[in-house]
């Protein structure tokens, strides 16, 4: 059975790789956009179930990103460090997203992703 796909979007490629590794440990298939590709285009091309999105990237184009994810029936989970927590929580309230603060315990991330995926399946039957 294929693993659910998680698109990892971060300004820092090392951070993206580390989060991708954590997603893989949690049983997900991490994928990444290509250089120069917008987040909505990456979502449309890759069709992930979940988008793990750096709040700094989200702040630059939140409406287009969340709209693109909704069109593809993907859920967005914002990640941030302690300094970006307020911005992440504000976006989460506006767009109905989850927030995870880094550093994160791998088991907590796995449980969060499983909960988001379960809600997606229940809401959309996918």
PDB file of N, CA and C in Angstrom:
ATOM      1  N   UNK A   1       0.844  -1.175   0.000  1.00  0.00           N
ATOM      2  CA  UNK A   1       0.000   0.000   0.000  1.00  0.00           C
ATOM      3  C   UNK A   1       0.892   1.243   0.000  1.00  0.00           C
ATOM      4  N   UNK A   2       0.641   2.211  -0.883  1.00  0.00           N
ATOM      5  CA  UNK A   2       1.479   3.407  -0.937  1.00  0.00           C
ATOM      6  C   UNK A   2       1.293   4.275   0.303  1.00  0.00           C
ATOM      7  N   UNK A   3       2.353   4.966   0.644  1.00  0.00           N
ATOM      8  CA  UNK A   3       2.315   5.877   1.780  1.00  0.00           C
ATOM      9  C   UNK A   3       1.695   7.199   1.350  1.00  0.00           C
ATOM     10  N   UNK A   4       0.959   7.871   2.232  1.00  0.00           N
ATOM     11  CA  UNK A   4       0.418   9.190   1.894  1.00  0.00           C
ATOM     12  C   UNK A   4       1.559  10.167   1.594  1.00  0.00           C
ATOM     13  N   UNK A   5       1.355  11.024   0.622  1.00  0.00           N
ATOM     14  CA  UNK A   5       2.363  11.982   0.196  1.00  0.00           C
ATOM     15  C   UNK A   5       2.255  13.261   1.010  1.00  0.00           C
ATOM     16  N   UNK A   6       3.418  13.764   1.449  1.00  0.00           N
ATOM     17  CA  UNK A   6       3.494  15.010   2.194  1.00  0.00           C
ATOM     18  C   UNK A   6       4.465  15.929   1.458  1.00  0.00           C
ATOM     19  N   UNK A   7       3.973  17.080   1.012  1.00  0.00           N
ATOM     20  CA  UNK A   7       4.822  18.082   0.379  1.00  0.00           C
ATOM     21  C   UNK A   7       5.473  18.915   1.469  1.00  0.00           C
ATOM     22  N   UNK A   8       6.796  19.002   1.446  1.00  0.00           N
ATOM     23  CA  UNK A   8       7.549  19.786   2.421  1.00  0.00           C
ATOM     24  C   UNK A   8       7.969  21.080   1.743  1.00  0.00           C
ATOM     25  N   UNK A   9       7.594  22.223   2.343  1.00  0.00           N
ATOM     26  CA  UNK A   9       7.936  23.528   1.782  1.00  0.00           C
ATOM     27  C   UNK A   9       8.610  24.359   2.868  1.00  0.00           C
ATOM     28  N   UNK A  10       9.874  24.717   2.625  1.00  0.00           N
ATOM     29  CA  UNK A  10      10.625  25.543   3.584  1.00  0.00           C
ATOM     30  C   UNK A  10      11.590  26.435   2.823  1.00  0.00           C
ATOM     31  N   UNK A  11      11.886  27.587   3.403  1.00  0.00           N
ATOM     32  CA  UNK A  11      12.870  28.479   2.791  1.00  0.00           C
ATOM     33  C   UNK A  11      14.271  27.879   2.843  1.00  0.00           C
ATOM     34  N   UNK A  12      14.531  27.098   3.861  1.00  0.00           N
ATOM     35  CA  UNK A  12      15.847  26.516   4.079  1.00  0.00           C
ATOM     36  C   UNK A  12      15.826  25.050   3.643  1.00  0.00           C
ATOM     37  N   UNK A  13      16.670  24.697   2.678  1.00  0.00           N
ATOM     38  CA  UNK A  13      16.655  23.334   2.135  1.00  0.00           C
ATOM     39  C   UNK A  13      17.093  22.284   3.152  1.00  0.00           C
ATOM     40  N   UNK A  14      17.970  22.642   4.068  1.00  0.00           N
ATOM     41  CA  UNK A  14      18.390  21.691   5.102  1.00  0.00           C
ATOM     42  C   UNK A  14      17.221  21.411   6.042  1.00  0.00           C
ATOM     43  N   UNK A  15      16.515  22.448   6.418  1.00  0.00           N
ATOM     44  CA  UNK A  15      15.337  22.275   7.264  1.00  0.00           C
ATOM     45  C   UNK A  15      14.294  21.425   6.548  1.00  0.00           C
ATOM     46  N   UNK A  16      14.065  21.683   5.263  1.00  0.00           N
ATOM     47  CA  UNK A  16      13.110  20.886   4.488  1.00  0.00           C
ATOM     48  C   UNK A  16      13.509  19.412   4.486  1.00  0.00           C
ATOM     49  N   UNK A  17      14.795  19.148   4.304  1.00  0.00           N
ATOM     50  CA  UNK A  17      15.269  17.754   4.294  1.00  0.00           C
ATOM     51  C   UNK A  17      15.059  17.087   5.651  1.00  0.00           C
ATOM     52  N   UNK A  18      15.333  17.810   6.731  1.00  0.00           N
ATOM     53  CA  UNK A  18      15.143  17.241   8.072  1.00  0.00           C
ATOM     54  C   UNK A  18      13.671  16.952   8.356  1.00  0.00           C
ATOM     55  N   UNK A  19      12.807  17.862   7.973  1.00  0.00           N
ATOM     56  CA  UNK A  19      11.375  17.637   8.184  1.00  0.00           C
ATOM     57  C   UNK A  19      10.888  16.499   7.292  1.00  0.00           C
ATOM     58  N   UNK A  20      11.414  16.424   6.086  1.00  0.00           N
ATOM     59  CA  UNK A  20      11.090  15.308   5.215  1.00  0.00           C
ATOM     60  C   UNK A  20      11.490  13.972   5.824  1.00  0.00           C
ATOM     61  N   UNK A  21      12.656  13.957   6.456  1.00  0.00           N
ATOM     62  CA  UNK A  21      13.130  12.741   7.129  1.00  0.00           C
ATOM     63  C   UNK A  21      12.177  12.350   8.258  1.00  0.00           C
ATOM     64  N   UNK A  22      11.744  13.339   9.058  1.00  0.00           N
ATOM     65  CA  UNK A  22      10.802  13.052  10.142  1.00  0.00           C
ATOM     66  C   UNK A  22       9.473  12.531   9.590  1.00  0.00           C
ATOM     67  N   UNK A  23       9.014  13.120   8.487  1.00  0.00           N
ATOM     68  CA  UNK A  23       7.769  12.644   7.867  1.00  0.00           C
ATOM     69  C   UNK A  23       7.936  11.208   7.382  1.00  0.00           C
ATOM     70  N   UNK A  24       9.090  10.916   6.803  1.00  0.00           N
ATOM     71  CA  UNK A  24       9.347   9.552   6.331  1.00  0.00           C
ATOM     72  C   UNK A  24       9.368   8.566   7.498  1.00  0.00           C
ATOM     73  N   UNK A  25       9.996   8.949   8.601  1.00  0.00           N
ATOM     74  CA  UNK A  25      10.005   8.086   9.784  1.00  0.00           C
ATOM     75  C   UNK A  25       8.590   7.829  10.295  1.00  0.00           C
ATOM     76  N   UNK A  26       7.704   8.798  10.084  1.00  0.00           N
ATOM     77  CA  UNK A  26       6.318   8.661  10.532  1.00  0.00           C
ATOM     78  C   UNK A  26       5.459   7.868   9.545  1.00  0.00           C
ATOM     79  N   UNK A  27       6.058   7.401   8.438  1.00  0.00           N
ATOM     80  CA  UNK A  27       5.319   6.562   7.499  1.00  0.00           C
ATOM     81  C   UNK A  27       4.729   7.296   6.311  1.00  0.00           C
ATOM     82  N   UNK A  28       5.238   8.479   6.023  1.00  0.00           N
ATOM     83  CA  UNK A  28       4.741   9.276   4.897  1.00  0.00           C
ATOM     84  C   UNK A  28       5.809   9.353   3.814  1.00  0.00           C
ATOM     85  N   UNK A  29       5.380   9.680   2.614  1.00  0.00           N
ATOM     86  CA  UNK A  29       6.284   9.817   1.478  1.00  0.00           C
ATOM     87  C   UNK A  29       6.546  11.311   1.257  1.00  0.00           C
ATOM     88  N   UNK A  30       7.698  11.835   1.726  1.00  0.00           N
ATOM     89  CA  UNK A  30       7.957  13.262   1.544  1.00  0.00           C
ATOM     90  C   UNK A  30       8.328  13.582   0.100  1.00  0.00           C
ATOM     91  N   UNK A  31       7.760  14.691  -0.409  1.00  0.00           N
ATOM     92  CA  UNK A  31       8.096  15.187  -1.742  1.00  0.00           C
ATOM     93  C   UNK A  31       8.407  16.672  -1.611  1.00  0.00           C
ATOM     94  N   UNK A  32       9.100  17.196  -2.602  1.00  0.00           N
ATOM     95  CA  UNK A  32       9.558  18.583  -2.560  1.00  0.00           C
ATOM     96  C   UNK A  32       9.297  19.234  -3.908  1.00  0.00           C
ATOM     97  N   UNK A  33       9.001  20.543  -3.882  1.00  0.00           N
ATOM     98  CA  UNK A  33       8.854  21.296  -5.118  1.00  0.00           C
ATOM     99  C   UNK A  33      10.216  21.493  -5.764  1.00  0.00           C
ATOM    100  N   UNK A  34      10.200  21.965  -6.991  1.00  0.00           N
ATOM    101  CA  UNK A  34      11.456  22.238  -7.687  1.00  0.00           C
ATOM    102  C   UNK A  34      11.777  23.727  -7.558  1.00  0.00           C
ATOM    103  N   UNK A  35      13.048  24.053  -7.674  1.00  0.00           N
ATOM    104  CA  UNK A  35      13.496  25.433  -7.568  1.00  0.00           C
ATOM    105  C   UNK A  35      12.751  26.319  -8.560  1.00  0.00           C
ATOM    106  N   UNK A  36      12.232  27.429  -8.062  1.00  0.00           N
ATOM    107  CA  UNK A  36      11.516  28.374  -8.904  1.00  0.00           C
ATOM    108  C   UNK A  36      10.034  28.091  -9.067  1.00  0.00           C
ATOM    109  N   UNK A  37       9.579  26.952  -8.589  1.00  0.00           N
ATOM    110  CA  UNK A  37       8.164  26.584  -8.701  1.00  0.00           C
ATOM    111  C   UNK A  37       7.391  27.192  -7.527  1.00  0.00           C
ATOM    112  N   UNK A  38       6.234  27.771  -7.804  1.00  0.00           N
ATOM    113  CA  UNK A  38       5.420  28.325  -6.716  1.00  0.00           C
ATOM    114  C   UNK A  38       4.818  27.173  -5.900  1.00  0.00           C
ATOM    115  N   UNK A  39       4.453  27.481  -4.682  1.00  0.00           N
ATOM    116  CA  UNK A  39       3.849  26.452  -3.834  1.00  0.00           C
ATOM    117  C   UNK A  39       2.539  25.938  -4.438  1.00  0.00           C
ATOM    118  N   UNK A  40       1.634  26.823  -4.900  1.00  0.00           N
ATOM    119  CA  UNK A  40       0.415  26.280  -5.523  1.00  0.00           C
ATOM    120  C   UNK A  40       0.705  25.379  -6.734  1.00  0.00           C
ATOM    121  N   UNK A  41       1.733  25.722  -7.514  1.00  0.00           N
ATOM    122  CA  UNK A  41       2.093  24.861  -8.655  1.00  0.00           C
ATOM    123  C   UNK A  41       2.633  23.515  -8.177  1.00  0.00           C
ATOM    124  N   UNK A  42       3.443  23.525  -7.112  1.00  0.00           N
ATOM    125  CA  UNK A  42       3.956  22.265  -6.551  1.00  0.00           C
ATOM    126  C   UNK A  42       2.810  21.394  -6.051  1.00  0.00           C
ATOM    127  N   UNK A  43       1.858  22.018  -5.364  1.00  0.00           N
ATOM    128  CA  UNK A  43       0.705  21.270  -4.855  1.00  0.00           C
ATOM    129  C   UNK A  43      -0.083  20.667  -6.016  1.00  0.00           C
ATOM    130  N   UNK A  44      -0.325  21.473  -7.057  1.00  0.00           N
ATOM    131  CA  UNK A  44      -1.071  20.983  -8.211  1.00  0.00           C
ATOM    132  C   UNK A  44      -0.360  19.857  -8.943  1.00  0.00           C
ATOM    133  N   UNK A  45       0.951  19.960  -9.063  1.00  0.00           N
ATOM    134  CA  UNK A  45       1.721  18.954  -9.790  1.00  0.00           C
ATOM    135  C   UNK A  45       1.868  17.661  -8.989  1.00  0.00           C
ATOM    136  N   UNK A  46       2.088  17.778  -7.681  1.00  0.00           N
ATOM    137  CA  UNK A  46       2.390  16.607  -6.861  1.00  0.00           C
ATOM    138  C   UNK A  46       1.162  15.991  -6.189  1.00  0.00           C
ATOM    139  N   UNK A  47       0.112  16.787  -6.003  1.00  0.00           N
ATOM    140  CA  UNK A  47      -1.120  16.280  -5.385  1.00  0.00           C
ATOM    141  C   UNK A  47      -0.933  15.649  -4.021  1.00  0.00           C
ATOM    142  N   UNK A  48      -0.224  16.324  -3.098  1.00  0.00           N
ATOM    143  CA  UNK A  48       0.003  15.710  -1.780  1.00  0.00           C
ATOM    144  C   UNK A  48      -1.265  15.671  -0.941  1.00  0.00           C
ATOM    145  N   UNK A  49      -1.316  14.752  -0.010  1.00  0.00           N
ATOM    146  CA  UNK A  49      -2.426  14.717   0.943  1.00  0.00           C
ATOM    147  C   UNK A  49      -2.267  15.831   1.969  1.00  0.00           C
ATOM    148  N   UNK A  50      -1.008  16.089   2.365  1.00  0.00           N
ATOM    149  CA  UNK A  50      -0.700  17.098   3.374  1.00  0.00           C
ATOM    150  C   UNK A  50       0.430  17.976   2.853  1.00  0.00           C
ATOM    151  N   UNK A  51       0.368  19.275   3.160  1.00  0.00           N
ATOM    152  CA  UNK A  51       1.440  20.214   2.856  1.00  0.00           C
ATOM    153  C   UNK A  51       2.005  20.692   4.186  1.00  0.00           C
ATOM    154  N   UNK A  52       3.259  20.347   4.465  1.00  0.00           N
ATOM    155  CA  UNK A  52       3.956  20.851   5.652  1.00  0.00           C
ATOM    156  C   UNK A  52       4.654  22.126   5.223  1.00  0.00           C
ATOM    157  N   UNK A  53       4.179  23.260   5.709  1.00  0.00           N
ATOM    158  CA  UNK A  53       4.534  24.566   5.172  1.00  0.00           C
ATOM    159  C   UNK A  53       5.199  25.454   6.209  1.00  0.00           C
ATOM    160  N   UNK A  54       6.381  25.939   5.881  1.00  0.00           N
ATOM    161  CA  UNK A  54       7.111  26.904   6.705  1.00  0.00           C
ATOM    162  C   UNK A  54       6.281  28.182   6.792  1.00  0.00           C
ATOM    163  N   UNK A  55       6.033  28.678   7.991  1.00  0.00           N
ATOM    164  CA  UNK A  55       5.211  29.877   8.150  1.00  0.00           C
ATOM    165  C   UNK A  55       5.819  31.070   7.419  1.00  0.00           C
ATOM    166  N   UNK A  56       7.139  31.141   7.318  1.00  0.00           N
ATOM    167  CA  UNK A  56       7.765  32.256   6.600  1.00  0.00           C
ATOM    168  C   UNK A  56       7.408  32.231   5.114  1.00  0.00           C
ATOM    169  N   UNK A  57       7.271  31.059   4.533  1.00  0.00           N
ATOM    170  CA  UNK A  57       6.838  30.926   3.145  1.00  0.00           C
ATOM    171  C   UNK A  57       5.358  31.273   3.046  1.00  0.00           C
ATOM    172  N   UNK A  58       4.578  30.809   4.006  1.00  0.00           N
ATOM    173  CA  UNK A  58       3.133  31.047   3.991  1.00  0.00           C
ATOM    174  C   UNK A  58       2.811  32.534   4.056  1.00  0.00           C
ATOM    175  N   UNK A  59       3.567  33.279   4.831  1.00  0.00           N
ATOM    176  CA  UNK A  59       3.301  34.708   4.976  1.00  0.00           C
ATOM    177  C   UNK A  59       3.451  35.455   3.658  1.00  0.00           C
ATOM    178  N   UNK A  60       4.255  34.927   2.763  1.00  0.00           N
ATOM    179  CA  UNK A  60       4.497  35.597   1.482  1.00  0.00           C
ATOM    180  C   UNK A  60       3.361  35.393   0.478  1.00  0.00           C
ATOM    181  N   UNK A  61       2.481  34.442   0.708  1.00  0.00           N
ATOM    182  CA  UNK A  61       1.404  34.198  -0.267  1.00  0.00           C
ATOM    183  C   UNK A  61       0.351  33.255   0.263  1.00  0.00           C
ATOM    184  N   UNK A  62      -0.104  33.495   1.475  1.00  0.00           N
ATOM    185  CA  UNK A  62      -0.988  32.558   2.164  1.00  0.00           C
ATOM    186  C   UNK A  62      -2.266  32.243   1.387  1.00  0.00           C
ATOM    187  N   UNK A  63      -2.958  33.253   0.870  1.00  0.00           N
ATOM    188  CA  UNK A  63      -4.235  32.992   0.214  1.00  0.00           C
ATOM    189  C   UNK A  63      -4.074  32.066  -0.984  1.00  0.00           C
ATOM    190  N   UNK A  64      -3.089  32.325  -1.830  1.00  0.00           N
ATOM    191  CA  UNK A  64      -2.865  31.480  -3.013  1.00  0.00           C
ATOM    192  C   UNK A  64      -2.470  30.064  -2.599  1.00  0.00           C
ATOM    193  N   UNK A  65      -1.652  29.952  -1.569  1.00  0.00           N
ATOM    194  CA  UNK A  65      -1.199  28.629  -1.114  1.00  0.00           C
ATOM    195  C   UNK A  65      -2.376  27.819  -0.561  1.00  0.00           C
ATOM    196  N   UNK A  66      -3.137  28.427   0.330  1.00  0.00           N
ATOM    197  CA  UNK A  66      -4.261  27.698   0.930  1.00  0.00           C
ATOM    198  C   UNK A  66      -5.353  27.404  -0.090  1.00  0.00           C
ATOM    199  N   UNK A  67      -5.595  28.333  -1.015  1.00  0.00           N
ATOM    200  CA  UNK A  67      -6.575  28.082  -2.075  1.00  0.00           C
ATOM    201  C   UNK A  67      -6.130  26.932  -2.971  1.00  0.00           C
ATOM    202  N   UNK A  68      -4.849  26.915  -3.334  1.00  0.00           N
ATOM    203  CA  UNK A  68      -4.312  25.833  -4.166  1.00  0.00           C
ATOM    204  C   UNK A  68      -4.399  24.489  -3.466  1.00  0.00           C
ATOM    205  N   UNK A  69      -4.118  24.482  -2.174  1.00  0.00           N
ATOM    206  CA  UNK A  69      -4.224  23.231  -1.408  1.00  0.00           C
ATOM    207  C   UNK A  69      -5.673  22.751  -1.354  1.00  0.00           C
ATOM    208  N   UNK A  70      -6.590  23.679  -1.150  1.00  0.00           N
ATOM    209  CA  UNK A  70      -8.011  23.303  -1.090  1.00  0.00           C
ATOM    210  C   UNK A  70      -8.487  22.738  -2.431  1.00  0.00           C
ATOM    211  N   UNK A  71      -8.044  23.330  -3.525  1.00  0.00           N
ATOM    212  CA  UNK A  71      -8.426  22.830  -4.853  1.00  0.00           C
ATOM    213  C   UNK A  71      -7.954  21.399  -5.071  1.00  0.00           C
ATOM    214  N   UNK A  72      -6.803  21.063  -4.496  1.00  0.00           N
ATOM    215  CA  UNK A  72      -6.247  19.710  -4.652  1.00  0.00           C
ATOM    216  C   UNK A  72      -6.655  18.783  -3.505  1.00  0.00           C
ATOM    217  N   UNK A  73      -7.527  19.271  -2.643  1.00  0.00           N
ATOM    218  CA  UNK A  73      -7.987  18.494  -1.491  1.00  0.00           C
ATOM    219  C   UNK A  73      -6.851  18.098  -0.575  1.00  0.00           C
ATOM    220  N   UNK A  74      -5.907  19.007  -0.407  1.00  0.00           N
ATOM    221  CA  UNK A  74      -4.768  18.811   0.496  1.00  0.00           C
ATOM    222  C   UNK A  74      -4.982  19.632   1.753  1.00  0.00           C
ATOM    223  N   UNK A  75      -4.477  19.141   2.862  1.00  0.00           N
ATOM    224  CA  UNK A  75      -4.515  19.890   4.124  1.00  0.00           C
ATOM    225  C   UNK A  75      -3.152  20.508   4.372  1.00  0.00           C
ATOM    226  N   UNK A  76      -3.141  21.669   4.994  1.00  0.00           N
ATOM    227  CA  UNK A  76      -1.905  22.384   5.288  1.00  0.00           C
ATOM    228  C   UNK A  76      -1.628  22.313   6.782  1.00  0.00           C
ATOM    229  N   UNK A  77      -0.380  21.985   7.108  1.00  0.00           N
ATOM    230  CA  UNK A  77       0.127  22.050   8.476  1.00  0.00           C
ATOM    231  C   UNK A  77       1.278  23.043   8.456  1.00  0.00           C
ATOM    232  N   UNK A  78       1.163  24.097   9.236  1.00  0.00           N
ATOM    233  CA  UNK A  78       2.218  25.107   9.314  1.00  0.00           C
ATOM    234  C   UNK A  78       3.258  24.688  10.334  1.00  0.00           C
ATOM    235  N   UNK A  79       4.528  24.925  10.028  1.00  0.00           N
ATOM    236  CA  UNK A  79       5.557  24.710  11.036  1.00  0.00           C
ATOM    237  C   UNK A  79       6.345  25.993  11.230  1.00  0.00           C
ATOM    238  N   UNK A  80       6.825  26.155  12.460  1.00  0.00           N
ATOM    239  CA  UNK A  80       7.511  27.377  12.831  1.00  0.00           C
ATOM    240  C   UNK A  80       8.408  27.134  14.028  1.00  0.00           C
ATOM    241  N   UNK A  81       9.334  28.045  14.231  1.00  0.00           N
ATOM    242  CA  UNK A  81      10.084  28.094  15.475  1.00  0.00           C
ATOM    243  C   UNK A  81       9.301  28.945  16.457  1.00  0.00           C
ATOM    244  N   UNK A  82       9.821  29.103  17.655  1.00  0.00           N
ATOM    245  CA  UNK A  82       9.119  29.860  18.691  1.00  0.00           C
ATOM    246  C   UNK A  82       8.839  31.297  18.262  1.00  0.00           C
ATOM    247  N   UNK A  83       9.745  31.926  17.527  1.00  0.00           N
ATOM    248  CA  UNK A  83       9.563  33.339  17.167  1.00  0.00           C
ATOM    249  C   UNK A  83       8.436  33.551  16.167  1.00  0.00           C
ATOM    250  N   UNK A  84       8.075  32.541  15.405  1.00  0.00           N
ATOM    251  CA  UNK A  84       7.012  32.683  14.411  1.00  0.00           C
ATOM    252  C   UNK A  84       5.672  32.144  14.858  1.00  0.00           C
ATOM    253  N   UNK A  85       5.590  31.748  16.109  1.00  0.00           N
ATOM    254  CA  UNK A  85       4.380  31.092  16.615  1.00  0.00           C
ATOM    255  C   UNK A  85       3.132  31.965  16.471  1.00  0.00           C
ATOM    256  N   UNK A  86       3.234  33.249  16.777  1.00  0.00           N
ATOM    257  CA  UNK A  86       2.063  34.137  16.708  1.00  0.00           C
ATOM    258  C   UNK A  86       1.550  34.229  15.269  1.00  0.00           C
ATOM    259  N   UNK A  87       2.466  34.421  14.297  1.00  0.00           N
ATOM    260  CA  UNK A  87       2.057  34.476  12.896  1.00  0.00           C
ATOM    261  C   UNK A  87       1.422  33.164  12.456  1.00  0.00           C
ATOM    262  N   UNK A  88       2.013  32.048  12.863  1.00  0.00           N
ATOM    263  CA  UNK A  88       1.484  30.738  12.474  1.00  0.00           C
ATOM    264  C   UNK A  88       0.085  30.522  13.041  1.00  0.00           C
ATOM    265  N   UNK A  89      -0.112  30.885  14.301  1.00  0.00           N
ATOM    266  CA  UNK A  89      -1.432  30.699  14.911  1.00  0.00           C
ATOM    267  C   UNK A  89      -2.480  31.592  14.247  1.00  0.00           C
ATOM    268  N   UNK A  90      -2.095  32.816  13.871  1.00  0.00           N
ATOM    269  CA  UNK A  90      -3.032  33.701  13.188  1.00  0.00           C
ATOM    270  C   UNK A  90      -3.441  33.117  11.833  1.00  0.00           C
ATOM    271  N   UNK A  91      -2.474  32.628  11.056  1.00  0.00           N
ATOM    272  CA  UNK A  91      -2.791  31.997   9.768  1.00  0.00           C
ATOM    273  C   UNK A  91      -3.632  30.746   9.958  1.00  0.00           C
ATOM    274  N   UNK A  92      -3.323  29.981  10.992  1.00  0.00           N
ATOM    275  CA  UNK A  92      -4.070  28.748  11.260  1.00  0.00           C
ATOM    276  C   UNK A  92      -5.542  29.045  11.524  1.00  0.00           C
ATOM    277  N   UNK A  93      -5.798  30.095  12.280  1.00  0.00           N
ATOM    278  CA  UNK A  93      -7.183  30.460  12.581  1.00  0.00           C
ATOM    279  C   UNK A  93      -7.901  30.894  11.300  1.00  0.00           C
ATOM    280  N   UNK A  94      -7.252  31.710  10.497  1.00  0.00           N
ATOM    281  CA  UNK A  94      -7.860  32.218   9.265  1.00  0.00           C
ATOM    282  C   UNK A  94      -8.150  31.092   8.279  1.00  0.00           C
ATOM    283  N   UNK A  95      -7.195  30.151   8.154  1.00  0.00           N
ATOM    284  CA  UNK A  95      -7.282  29.136   7.094  1.00  0.00           C
ATOM    285  C   UNK A  95      -7.605  27.728   7.599  1.00  0.00           C
ATOM    286  N   UNK A  96      -7.846  27.567   8.880  1.00  0.00           N
ATOM    287  CA  UNK A  96      -8.208  26.256   9.405  1.00  0.00           C
ATOM    288  C   UNK A  96      -7.081  25.241   9.335  1.00  0.00           C
ATOM    289  N   UNK A  97      -5.867  25.677   9.631  1.00  0.00           N
ATOM    290  CA  UNK A  97      -4.701  24.795   9.556  1.00  0.00           C
ATOM    291  C   UNK A  97      -4.254  24.375  10.952  1.00  0.00           C
ATOM    292  N   UNK A  98      -3.416  23.387  10.984  1.00  0.00           N
ATOM    293  CA  UNK A  98      -2.752  22.958  12.212  1.00  0.00           C
ATOM    294  C   UNK A  98      -1.389  23.645  12.280  1.00  0.00           C
ATOM    295  N   UNK A  99      -0.819  23.718  13.480  1.00  0.00           N
ATOM    296  CA  UNK A  99       0.509  24.315  13.672  1.00  0.00           C
ATOM    297  C   UNK A  99       1.366  23.359  14.479  1.00  0.00           C
ATOM    298  N   UNK A 100       2.608  23.195  14.057  1.00  0.00           N
ATOM    299  CA  UNK A 100       3.576  22.436  14.831  1.00  0.00           C
ATOM    300  C   UNK A 100       4.800  23.333  15.037  1.00  0.00           C
ATOM    301  N   UNK A 101       5.250  23.400  16.285  1.00  0.00           N
ATOM    302  CA  UNK A 101       6.400  24.232  16.610  1.00  0.00           C
ATOM    303  C   UNK A 101       7.658  23.372  16.659  1.00  0.00           C
ATOM    304  N   UNK A 102       8.706  23.871  16.004  1.00  0.00           N
ATOM    305  CA  UNK A 102       9.992  23.175  15.996  1.00  0.00           C
ATOM    306  C   UNK A 102      10.846  23.664  17.155  1.00  0.00           C
ATOM    307  N   UNK A 103      11.696  22.840  17.731  1.00  0.00           N
ATOM    308  CA  UNK A 103      11.883  21.436  17.376  1.00  0.00           C
ATOM    309  C   UNK A 103      10.693  20.609  17.841  1.00  0.00           C
ATOM    310  N   UNK A 104      10.423  19.548  17.106  1.00  0.00           N
ATOM    311  CA  UNK A 104       9.265  18.713  17.395  1.00  0.00           C
ATOM    312  C   UNK A 104       9.717  17.284  17.677  1.00  0.00           C
ATOM    313  N   UNK A 105       9.059  16.672  18.613  1.00  0.00           N
ATOM    314  CA  UNK A 105       9.288  15.271  18.901  1.00  0.00           C
ATOM    315  C   UNK A 105       8.742  14.467  17.717  1.00  0.00           C
ATOM    316  N   UNK A 106       9.524  13.532  17.168  1.00  0.00           N
ATOM    317  CA  UNK A 106       9.055  12.758  16.011  1.00  0.00           C
ATOM    318  C   UNK A 106       7.713  12.058  16.236  1.00  0.00           C
ATOM    319  N   UNK A 107       7.462  11.576  17.442  1.00  0.00           N
ATOM    320  CA  UNK A 107       6.179  10.913  17.713  1.00  0.00           C
ATOM    321  C   UNK A 107       5.030  11.910  17.682  1.00  0.00           C
ATOM    322  N   UNK A 108       5.277  13.126  18.160  1.00  0.00           N
ATOM    323  CA  UNK A 108       4.233  14.162  18.114  1.00  0.00           C
ATOM    324  C   UNK A 108       3.909  14.522  16.671  1.00  0.00           C
ATOM    325  N   UNK A 109       4.935  14.653  15.831  1.00  0.00           N
ATOM    326  CA  UNK A 109       4.704  14.959  14.423  1.00  0.00           C
ATOM    327  C   UNK A 109       3.928  13.827  13.757  1.00  0.00           C
ATOM    328  N   UNK A 110       4.297  12.593  14.046  1.00  0.00           N
ATOM    329  CA  UNK A 110       3.586  11.446  13.462  1.00  0.00           C
ATOM    330  C   UNK A 110       2.112  11.450  13.870  1.00  0.00           C
ATOM    331  N   UNK A 111       1.845  11.725  15.146  1.00  0.00           N
ATOM    332  CA  UNK A 111       0.458  11.762  15.621  1.00  0.00           C
ATOM    333  C   UNK A 111      -0.315  12.912  14.974  1.00  0.00           C
ATOM    334  N   UNK A 112       0.324  14.067  14.828  1.00  0.00           N
ATOM    335  CA  UNK A 112      -0.333  15.208  14.195  1.00  0.00           C
ATOM    336  C   UNK A 112      -0.672  14.905  12.740  1.00  0.00           C
ATOM    337  N   UNK A 113       0.269  14.352  11.997  1.00  0.00           N
ATOM    338  CA  UNK A 113       0.024  14.021  10.591  1.00  0.00           C
ATOM    339  C   UNK A 113      -1.082  12.968  10.463  1.00  0.00           C
ATOM    340  N   UNK A 114      -1.071  11.983  11.335  1.00  0.00           N
ATOM    341  CA  UNK A 114      -2.109  10.946  11.290  1.00  0.00           C
ATOM    342  C   UNK A 114      -3.483  11.553  11.561  1.00  0.00           C
ATOM    343  N   UNK A 115      -3.559  12.481  12.511  1.00  0.00           N
ATOM    344  CA  UNK A 115      -4.827  13.136  12.809  1.00  0.00           C
ATOM    345  C   UNK A 115      -5.330  13.978  11.655  1.00  0.00           C
ATOM    346  N   UNK A 116      -4.414  14.714  11.006  1.00  0.00           N
ATOM    347  CA  UNK A 116      -4.791  15.533   9.857  1.00  0.00           C
ATOM    348  C   UNK A 116      -5.278  14.642   8.718  1.00  0.00           C
ATOM    349  N   UNK A 117      -4.558  13.556   8.465  1.00  0.00           N
ATOM    350  CA  UNK A 117      -4.947  12.643   7.387  1.00  0.00           C
ATOM    351  C   UNK A 117      -6.303  11.998   7.682  1.00  0.00           C
ATOM    352  N   UNK A 118      -6.535  11.616   8.916  1.00  0.00           N
ATOM    353  CA  UNK A 118      -7.830  11.015   9.285  1.00  0.00           C
ATOM    354  C   UNK A 118      -8.969  12.000   9.081  1.00  0.00           C
ATOM    355  N   UNK A 119      -8.744  13.254   9.459  1.00  0.00           N
ATOM    356  CA  UNK A 119      -9.780  14.271   9.268  1.00  0.00           C
ATOM    357  C   UNK A 119     -10.037  14.490   7.782  1.00  0.00           C
ATOM    358  N   UNK A 120      -8.990  14.479   6.989  1.00  0.00           N
ATOM    359  CA  UNK A 120      -9.127  14.659   5.543  1.00  0.00           C
ATOM    360  C   UNK A 120      -9.941  13.523   4.944  1.00  0.00           C
ATOM    361  N   UNK A 121      -9.678  12.313   5.346  1.00  0.00           N
ATOM    362  CA  UNK A 121     -10.403  11.147   4.831  1.00  0.00           C
ATOM    363  C   UNK A 121     -11.870  11.242   5.211  1.00  0.00           C
ATOM    364  N   UNK A 122     -12.141  11.627   6.452  1.00  0.00           N
ATOM    365  CA  UNK A 122     -13.530  11.739   6.886  1.00  0.00           C
ATOM    366  C   UNK A 122     -14.275  12.850   6.159  1.00  0.00           C
ATOM    367  N   UNK A 123     -13.614  13.984   5.957  1.00  0.00           N
ATOM    368  CA  UNK A 123     -14.263  15.127   5.324  1.00  0.00           C
ATOM    369  C   UNK A 123     -14.487  14.922   3.829  1.00  0.00           C
ATOM    370  N   UNK A 124     -13.518  14.308   3.173  1.00  0.00           N
ATOM    371  CA  UNK A 124     -13.552  14.271   1.724  1.00  0.00           C
ATOM    372  C   UNK A 124     -13.659  12.876   1.139  1.00  0.00           C
ATOM    373  N   UNK A 125     -13.648  11.893   1.994  1.00  0.00           N
ATOM    374  CA  UNK A 125     -13.769  10.529   1.507  1.00  0.00           C
ATOM    375  C   UNK A 125     -12.656  10.110   0.595  1.00  0.00           C
ATOM    376  N   UNK A 126     -11.476  10.653   0.824  1.00  0.00           N
ATOM    377  CA  UNK A 126     -10.316  10.345  -0.028  1.00  0.00           C
ATOM    378  C   UNK A 126      -9.226   9.720   0.765  1.00  0.00           C
TER     379      UNK A 126
END
